[in-house]
N, C-alpha and C. Protein backbone atom coordinates (compact mmCIF):
# COMPACT_ATOMS: atom_id res chain seq x y z
N MET A 1 -32.96 -0.09 22.70
CA MET A 1 -31.69 0.41 23.19
C MET A 1 -30.53 -0.43 22.68
N GLY A 2 -30.71 -1.73 22.54
CA GLY A 2 -29.65 -2.61 22.06
C GLY A 2 -29.23 -2.27 20.64
N GLU A 3 -30.17 -1.75 19.88
CA GLU A 3 -29.87 -1.37 18.50
C GLU A 3 -28.77 -0.31 18.48
N LEU A 4 -28.93 0.73 19.26
CA LEU A 4 -27.97 1.82 19.29
C LEU A 4 -26.61 1.35 19.79
N VAL A 5 -26.60 0.54 20.82
CA VAL A 5 -25.35 0.03 21.39
C VAL A 5 -24.58 -0.78 20.34
N ASP A 6 -25.28 -1.66 19.64
CA ASP A 6 -24.62 -2.49 18.63
C ASP A 6 -24.08 -1.63 17.49
N LYS A 7 -24.82 -0.63 17.08
CA LYS A 7 -24.36 0.22 15.99
C LYS A 7 -23.14 1.04 16.41
N VAL A 8 -23.13 1.54 17.63
CA VAL A 8 -21.98 2.32 18.12
C VAL A 8 -20.75 1.42 18.22
N LYS A 9 -20.91 0.24 18.82
CA LYS A 9 -19.79 -0.69 18.91
C LYS A 9 -19.27 -1.06 17.53
N GLY A 10 -20.19 -1.24 16.61
CA GLY A 10 -19.81 -1.58 15.25
C GLY A 10 -19.01 -0.46 14.60
N ASN A 11 -19.45 0.77 14.78
CA ASN A 11 -18.72 1.90 14.22
C ASN A 11 -17.31 2.01 14.81
N VAL A 12 -17.20 1.79 16.10
CA VAL A 12 -15.89 1.87 16.76
C VAL A 12 -14.98 0.77 16.24
N ASN A 13 -15.47 -0.46 16.19
CA ASN A 13 -14.65 -1.56 15.70
C ASN A 13 -14.24 -1.36 14.25
N GLU A 14 -15.14 -0.85 13.46
CA GLU A 14 -14.82 -0.61 12.05
C GLU A 14 -13.72 0.46 11.92
N ALA A 15 -13.83 1.53 12.68
CA ALA A 15 -12.84 2.61 12.63
C ALA A 15 -11.47 2.14 13.12
N VAL A 16 -11.45 1.42 14.21
CA VAL A 16 -10.18 0.91 14.75
C VAL A 16 -9.57 -0.09 13.77
N GLY A 17 -10.41 -0.93 13.19
CA GLY A 17 -9.92 -1.89 12.21
C GLY A 17 -9.29 -1.22 11.01
N LYS A 18 -9.93 -0.16 10.52
CA LYS A 18 -9.37 0.57 9.37
C LYS A 18 -8.03 1.20 9.74
N ALA A 19 -7.92 1.72 10.95
CA ALA A 19 -6.67 2.33 11.38
C ALA A 19 -5.56 1.28 11.48
N LYS A 20 -5.88 0.12 12.00
CA LYS A 20 -4.88 -0.95 12.11
C LYS A 20 -4.40 -1.43 10.75
N GLN A 21 -5.24 -1.35 9.75
CA GLN A 21 -4.88 -1.81 8.42
C GLN A 21 -3.83 -0.92 7.77
N LYS A 22 -3.59 0.26 8.32
CA LYS A 22 -2.59 1.17 7.79
C LYS A 22 -1.21 0.90 8.37
N SER A 23 -1.10 -0.09 9.23
CA SER A 23 0.15 -0.45 9.87
C SER A 23 1.10 -1.12 8.87
N ASN A 24 2.37 -1.10 9.19
CA ASN A 24 3.36 -1.79 8.37
C ASN A 24 3.48 -3.27 8.74
N ASP A 25 2.93 -3.63 9.87
CA ASP A 25 3.01 -5.01 10.35
C ASP A 25 1.88 -5.84 9.73
N PRO A 26 2.22 -6.92 9.03
CA PRO A 26 1.18 -7.74 8.38
C PRO A 26 0.18 -8.35 9.38
N ASP A 27 0.65 -8.72 10.56
CA ASP A 27 -0.26 -9.29 11.56
C ASP A 27 -1.28 -8.24 12.04
N THR A 28 -0.80 -7.04 12.24
CA THR A 28 -1.70 -5.96 12.67
C THR A 28 -2.70 -5.63 11.57
N ARG A 29 -2.25 -5.64 10.31
CA ARG A 29 -3.16 -5.38 9.20
C ARG A 29 -4.24 -6.45 9.13
N ALA A 30 -3.86 -7.71 9.32
CA ALA A 30 -4.84 -8.80 9.29
C ALA A 30 -5.82 -8.67 10.45
N GLU A 31 -5.31 -8.31 11.61
CA GLU A 31 -6.17 -8.10 12.78
C GLU A 31 -7.15 -6.96 12.51
N GLY A 32 -6.67 -5.91 11.86
CA GLY A 32 -7.52 -4.78 11.53
C GLY A 32 -8.63 -5.15 10.56
N ALA A 33 -8.29 -5.98 9.57
CA ALA A 33 -9.31 -6.42 8.61
C ALA A 33 -10.40 -7.23 9.31
N ALA A 34 -9.98 -8.10 10.21
CA ALA A 34 -10.96 -8.90 10.96
C ALA A 34 -11.82 -8.02 11.86
N GLN A 35 -11.20 -7.03 12.47
CA GLN A 35 -11.95 -6.14 13.36
C GLN A 35 -12.94 -5.29 12.57
N GLU A 36 -12.56 -4.89 11.36
CA GLU A 36 -13.47 -4.11 10.52
C GLU A 36 -14.69 -4.95 10.14
N VAL A 37 -14.47 -6.21 9.81
CA VAL A 37 -15.59 -7.10 9.47
C VAL A 37 -16.49 -7.29 10.69
N LYS A 38 -15.87 -7.44 11.86
CA LYS A 38 -16.65 -7.58 13.09
C LYS A 38 -17.53 -6.34 13.31
N GLY A 39 -16.97 -5.18 13.05
CA GLY A 39 -17.73 -3.94 13.20
C GLY A 39 -18.91 -3.87 12.25
N LYS A 40 -18.70 -4.28 11.01
CA LYS A 40 -19.79 -4.27 10.03
C LYS A 40 -20.89 -5.24 10.46
N THR A 41 -20.47 -6.39 11.00
CA THR A 41 -21.44 -7.39 11.48
C THR A 41 -22.26 -6.82 12.64
N GLN A 42 -21.59 -6.13 13.54
CA GLN A 42 -22.31 -5.54 14.68
C GLN A 42 -23.31 -4.49 14.21
N GLN A 43 -22.96 -3.73 13.19
CA GLN A 43 -23.89 -2.74 12.67
C GLN A 43 -25.12 -3.40 12.06
N VAL A 44 -24.91 -4.49 11.36
CA VAL A 44 -26.05 -5.23 10.78
C VAL A 44 -26.93 -5.78 11.89
N LYS A 45 -26.29 -6.31 12.91
CA LYS A 45 -27.03 -6.84 14.06
C LYS A 45 -27.89 -5.74 14.69
N GLY A 46 -27.33 -4.55 14.82
CA GLY A 46 -28.09 -3.42 15.36
C GLY A 46 -29.27 -3.06 14.48
N SER A 47 -29.06 -3.10 13.17
CA SER A 47 -30.15 -2.79 12.24
C SER A 47 -31.27 -3.82 12.34
N VAL A 48 -30.90 -5.08 12.49
CA VAL A 48 -31.89 -6.14 12.62
C VAL A 48 -32.67 -5.96 13.92
N LYS A 49 -31.95 -5.65 14.99
CA LYS A 49 -32.63 -5.40 16.27
C LYS A 49 -33.61 -4.25 16.14
N GLY A 50 -33.21 -3.22 15.43
CA GLY A 50 -34.09 -2.07 15.24
C GLY A 50 -35.34 -2.46 14.47
N ALA A 51 -35.17 -3.26 13.45
CA ALA A 51 -36.31 -3.69 12.62
C ALA A 51 -37.25 -4.61 13.40
N LEU A 52 -36.70 -5.39 14.31
CA LEU A 52 -37.51 -6.35 15.07
C LEU A 52 -37.87 -5.85 16.46
N GLY A 53 -37.49 -4.63 16.78
CA GLY A 53 -37.86 -4.07 18.06
C GLY A 53 -37.04 -4.62 19.22
N ASP A 54 -35.77 -4.85 19.04
CA ASP A 54 -34.85 -5.33 20.08
C ASP A 54 -35.24 -6.68 20.67
N LYS A 55 -35.98 -7.50 19.92
CA LYS A 55 -36.39 -8.81 20.43
C LYS A 55 -35.41 -9.90 20.05
N VAL A 56 -34.32 -9.53 19.41
CA VAL A 56 -33.31 -10.51 18.98
C VAL A 56 -32.32 -10.71 20.08
């Protein structure tokens, strides 16, 4: 179950991060880039959990 949760959170963070990067404000763009990376990391974490059977 943790695999799915991490992947969903990752997708949401990635999407929000991409949207923030379209802002005219440099701080918001930087925040969006960081949030997108966080989302990608969460997706990888979910994939690892899936491969290991949620024992991570």
